[in-house]
Every structure is written in C-alpha cells, then in structure tokens.
Amino acid sequence: MLPKSTFKVVMLGEGIPFQSSSLPHPLLGRVGKTSLTTKYCLGQFNENEESTINASYLQKEIELGGQKKTLAIWVYHCCA
C-alpha cells in the first residue's frame, strides 16, 4: 500500500508500431507520453527516445499545500 502522501498518475495512449506504420514518417506515430514524463520528472529530453514497450515508471517529489508529496507516474502503451 502506498503512503497517503503518494498520488498515482497513469498515462495511457496508443502509438503506431513502426513496422506497420502507414504514416509518411515513423515518428508521427509516437505521442510522447514517456518524453513528457521524463522531462517533468528528470528535467531531461532525449530526442532519440525508444518507444515504450508495456510500461515505464517514474517518481516526482512535489510540494502541495505546504506538504511534500510523491507522484508515482506510470506510463502505459495501449493497443486498440
């Protein structure tokens, strides 16, 4: 069980696999959930980020209402 000061955040989204993409450029099939989360949690951006397979997890410590809280952020790739 997570402590009361931890909030779960789940990001869901669908990407288009490169091998079956009919888009003119394969990067257009990626929506950026992992990149957005990495930038927010770690302050980093990787232009060559690999597509997430299944799930990834990061944490971010924040202050809310004068108290320290933890965001437990899960990023899931979903299929249609």
N, C-alpha and C. Protein backbone atom coordinates (compact mmCIF):
# COMPACT_ATOMS: atom_id res chain seq x y z
N MET A 1 0.84 -1.18 0.00
CA MET A 1 0.00 0.00 0.00
C MET A 1 0.89 1.25 0.00
N LEU A 2 0.51 2.23 -0.78
CA LEU A 2 1.27 3.47 -0.86
C LEU A 2 0.94 4.37 0.32
N PRO A 3 1.92 5.14 0.81
CA PRO A 3 1.63 6.12 1.87
C PRO A 3 0.60 7.13 1.38
N LYS A 4 -0.08 7.79 2.32
CA LYS A 4 -1.11 8.76 1.96
C LYS A 4 -0.54 9.94 1.18
N SER A 5 0.76 10.18 1.28
CA SER A 5 1.36 11.31 0.59
C SER A 5 1.80 10.97 -0.83
N THR A 6 1.38 9.81 -1.33
CA THR A 6 1.73 9.40 -2.69
C THR A 6 0.47 9.39 -3.56
N PHE A 7 0.57 10.01 -4.72
CA PHE A 7 -0.53 10.04 -5.68
C PHE A 7 -0.11 9.23 -6.90
N LYS A 8 -0.99 8.36 -7.36
CA LYS A 8 -0.73 7.59 -8.57
C LYS A 8 -1.22 8.38 -9.78
N VAL A 9 -0.38 8.46 -10.80
CA VAL A 9 -0.75 9.09 -12.06
C VAL A 9 -0.53 8.05 -13.15
N VAL A 10 -1.54 7.82 -13.96
CA VAL A 10 -1.43 6.83 -15.04
C VAL A 10 -1.64 7.55 -16.37
N MET A 11 -0.68 7.37 -17.26
CA MET A 11 -0.78 7.94 -18.61
C MET A 11 -0.98 6.78 -19.58
N LEU A 12 -2.08 6.82 -20.31
CA LEU A 12 -2.40 5.78 -21.29
C LEU A 12 -2.43 6.38 -22.67
N GLY A 13 -2.00 5.64 -23.64
CA GLY A 13 -2.08 6.13 -25.00
C GLY A 13 -1.64 5.08 -25.99
N GLU A 14 -1.95 5.34 -27.21
CA GLU A 14 -1.67 4.40 -28.28
C GLU A 14 -0.63 4.98 -29.22
N GLY A 15 0.36 4.20 -29.51
CA GLY A 15 1.34 4.56 -30.53
C GLY A 15 1.16 3.64 -31.71
N ILE A 16 1.70 4.00 -32.84
CA ILE A 16 1.59 3.17 -34.04
C ILE A 16 2.94 2.49 -34.23
N PRO A 17 2.99 1.16 -34.23
CA PRO A 17 4.27 0.47 -34.40
C PRO A 17 4.94 0.86 -35.71
N PHE A 18 6.26 1.04 -35.66
CA PHE A 18 7.00 1.46 -36.85
C PHE A 18 6.84 0.50 -38.02
N GLN A 19 6.91 -0.80 -37.74
CA GLN A 19 6.91 -1.76 -38.83
C GLN A 19 5.59 -1.80 -39.60
N SER A 20 4.49 -1.39 -38.97
CA SER A 20 3.21 -1.43 -39.66
C SER A 20 2.66 -0.02 -39.92
N SER A 21 3.49 0.97 -39.73
CA SER A 21 3.03 2.34 -39.88
C SER A 21 2.80 2.70 -41.34
N SER A 22 1.68 3.31 -41.61
CA SER A 22 1.41 3.81 -42.96
C SER A 22 1.64 5.31 -43.01
N LEU A 23 2.16 5.87 -41.93
CA LEU A 23 2.43 7.30 -41.89
C LEU A 23 3.68 7.62 -42.69
N PRO A 24 3.77 8.84 -43.24
CA PRO A 24 4.94 9.20 -44.04
C PRO A 24 6.24 9.21 -43.25
N HIS A 25 6.19 9.45 -41.97
CA HIS A 25 7.38 9.48 -41.13
C HIS A 25 7.07 8.71 -39.86
N PRO A 26 7.89 7.71 -39.47
CA PRO A 26 7.55 6.87 -38.32
C PRO A 26 7.40 7.61 -37.00
N LEU A 27 8.06 8.75 -36.81
CA LEU A 27 7.94 9.47 -35.55
C LEU A 27 6.54 10.04 -35.34
N LEU A 28 5.78 10.18 -36.41
CA LEU A 28 4.43 10.73 -36.28
C LEU A 28 3.50 9.78 -35.53
N GLY A 29 3.87 8.50 -35.41
CA GLY A 29 3.04 7.54 -34.72
C GLY A 29 3.24 7.54 -33.21
N ARG A 30 4.22 8.28 -32.73
CA ARG A 30 4.53 8.31 -31.30
C ARG A 30 3.90 9.57 -30.70
N VAL A 31 3.28 9.40 -29.52
CA VAL A 31 2.56 10.53 -28.95
C VAL A 31 3.32 11.29 -27.88
N GLY A 32 4.40 10.71 -27.29
CA GLY A 32 5.27 11.46 -26.38
C GLY A 32 5.00 11.33 -24.89
N LYS A 33 4.28 10.30 -24.47
CA LYS A 33 4.00 10.13 -23.03
C LYS A 33 5.28 9.97 -22.22
N THR A 34 6.18 9.11 -22.66
CA THR A 34 7.43 8.87 -21.95
C THR A 34 8.30 10.11 -21.96
N SER A 35 8.39 10.78 -23.11
CA SER A 35 9.20 12.00 -23.20
C SER A 35 8.68 13.10 -22.28
N LEU A 36 7.38 13.26 -22.23
CA LEU A 36 6.76 14.26 -21.36
C LEU A 36 7.04 13.95 -19.89
N THR A 37 6.90 12.68 -19.52
CA THR A 37 7.12 12.26 -18.14
C THR A 37 8.59 12.41 -17.74
N THR A 38 9.50 12.02 -18.63
CA THR A 38 10.93 12.15 -18.35
C THR A 38 11.34 13.60 -18.20
N LYS A 39 10.81 14.47 -19.03
CA LYS A 39 11.12 15.90 -18.94
C LYS A 39 10.60 16.46 -17.61
N TYR A 40 9.40 16.09 -17.21
CA TYR A 40 8.82 16.59 -15.97
C TYR A 40 9.56 16.06 -14.74
N CYS A 41 9.86 14.76 -14.72
CA CYS A 41 10.45 14.14 -13.52
C CYS A 41 11.96 14.36 -13.42
N LEU A 42 12.66 14.29 -14.53
CA LEU A 42 14.12 14.33 -14.51
C LEU A 42 14.72 15.58 -15.13
N GLY A 43 13.87 16.39 -15.80
CA GLY A 43 14.37 17.59 -16.45
C GLY A 43 15.22 17.28 -17.67
N GLN A 44 15.01 16.11 -18.27
CA GLN A 44 15.80 15.68 -19.43
C GLN A 44 14.90 15.42 -20.61
N PHE A 45 15.45 15.62 -21.80
CA PHE A 45 14.73 15.28 -23.02
C PHE A 45 15.67 14.51 -23.93
N ASN A 46 15.25 13.34 -24.35
CA ASN A 46 16.03 12.51 -25.25
C ASN A 46 15.36 12.51 -26.61
N GLU A 47 15.98 13.14 -27.55
CA GLU A 47 15.42 13.24 -28.90
C GLU A 47 15.28 11.87 -29.56
N ASN A 48 16.07 10.90 -29.10
CA ASN A 48 16.06 9.56 -29.69
C ASN A 48 15.42 8.53 -28.76
N GLU A 49 14.46 8.96 -27.96
CA GLU A 49 13.77 8.07 -27.01
C GLU A 49 13.16 6.89 -27.74
N GLU A 50 13.40 5.70 -27.22
CA GLU A 50 12.80 4.49 -27.80
C GLU A 50 11.34 4.41 -27.39
N SER A 51 10.54 3.76 -28.21
CA SER A 51 9.13 3.56 -27.86
C SER A 51 9.03 2.69 -26.61
N THR A 52 8.11 3.04 -25.73
CA THR A 52 7.90 2.27 -24.51
C THR A 52 7.21 0.95 -24.86
N ILE A 53 7.75 -0.13 -24.32
CA ILE A 53 7.14 -1.44 -24.51
C ILE A 53 6.50 -1.79 -23.17
N ASN A 54 5.21 -1.99 -23.16
CA ASN A 54 4.42 -2.29 -21.96
C ASN A 54 4.29 -1.06 -21.07
N ALA A 55 5.25 -0.84 -20.13
CA ALA A 55 5.07 0.25 -19.17
C ALA A 55 6.42 0.80 -18.70
N SER A 56 6.37 2.04 -18.21
CA SER A 56 7.53 2.63 -17.54
C SER A 56 7.02 3.33 -16.28
N TYR A 57 7.95 3.61 -15.35
CA TYR A 57 7.56 4.17 -14.06
C TYR A 57 8.60 5.19 -13.62
N LEU A 58 8.14 6.35 -13.17
CA LEU A 58 9.00 7.38 -12.59
C LEU A 58 8.29 7.99 -11.39
N GLN A 59 9.08 8.62 -10.52
CA GLN A 59 8.52 9.33 -9.38
C GLN A 59 8.96 10.78 -9.43
N LYS A 60 8.13 11.64 -8.88
CA LYS A 60 8.43 13.07 -8.78
C LYS A 60 7.99 13.55 -7.40
N GLU A 61 8.90 14.19 -6.70
CA GLU A 61 8.58 14.79 -5.40
C GLU A 61 8.10 16.22 -5.65
N ILE A 62 6.96 16.57 -5.08
CA ILE A 62 6.42 17.91 -5.24
C ILE A 62 6.00 18.45 -3.87
N GLU A 63 5.72 19.75 -3.81
CA GLU A 63 5.16 20.34 -2.60
C GLU A 63 3.75 20.80 -2.93
N LEU A 64 2.80 20.40 -2.09
CA LEU A 64 1.41 20.71 -2.32
C LEU A 64 0.79 21.09 -0.98
N GLY A 65 0.28 22.29 -0.89
CA GLY A 65 -0.31 22.74 0.37
C GLY A 65 0.68 22.78 1.51
N GLY A 66 1.93 23.07 1.18
CA GLY A 66 2.97 23.14 2.20
C GLY A 66 3.49 21.79 2.67
N GLN A 67 3.04 20.71 2.04
CA GLN A 67 3.50 19.38 2.40
C GLN A 67 4.14 18.70 1.19
N LYS A 68 5.15 17.88 1.47
CA LYS A 68 5.80 17.14 0.39
C LYS A 68 4.95 15.94 0.01
N LYS A 69 4.80 15.77 -1.28
CA LYS A 69 4.02 14.66 -1.83
C LYS A 69 4.86 13.96 -2.89
N THR A 70 4.51 12.72 -3.16
CA THR A 70 5.17 11.95 -4.21
C THR A 70 4.15 11.63 -5.30
N LEU A 71 4.54 11.87 -6.55
CA LEU A 71 3.74 11.44 -7.68
C LEU A 71 4.37 10.14 -8.19
N ALA A 72 3.62 9.08 -8.21
CA ALA A 72 4.06 7.81 -8.77
C ALA A 72 3.44 7.74 -10.18
N ILE A 73 4.27 7.93 -11.19
CA ILE A 73 3.77 8.09 -12.56
C ILE A 73 4.04 6.81 -13.37
N TRP A 74 2.97 6.19 -13.84
CA TRP A 74 3.05 5.01 -14.70
C TRP A 74 2.67 5.42 -16.12
N VAL A 75 3.47 5.00 -17.08
CA VAL A 75 3.20 5.26 -18.49
C VAL A 75 2.96 3.92 -19.18
N TYR A 76 1.79 3.75 -19.76
CA TYR A 76 1.43 2.51 -20.41
C TYR A 76 1.21 2.73 -21.90
N HIS A 77 1.69 1.78 -22.69
CA HIS A 77 1.36 1.74 -24.11
C HIS A 77 0.13 0.88 -24.25
N CYS A 78 -0.89 1.38 -24.91
CA CYS A 78 -2.13 0.62 -25.09
C CYS A 78 -2.31 0.26 -26.55
N CYS A 79 -2.94 -0.81 -26.78
CA CYS A 79 -3.25 -1.22 -28.15
C CYS A 79 -4.75 -1.11 -28.39
N ALA A 80 -5.10 -0.78 -29.61
CA ALA A 80 -6.52 -0.66 -29.96
C ALA A 80 -7.14 -2.01 -30.13
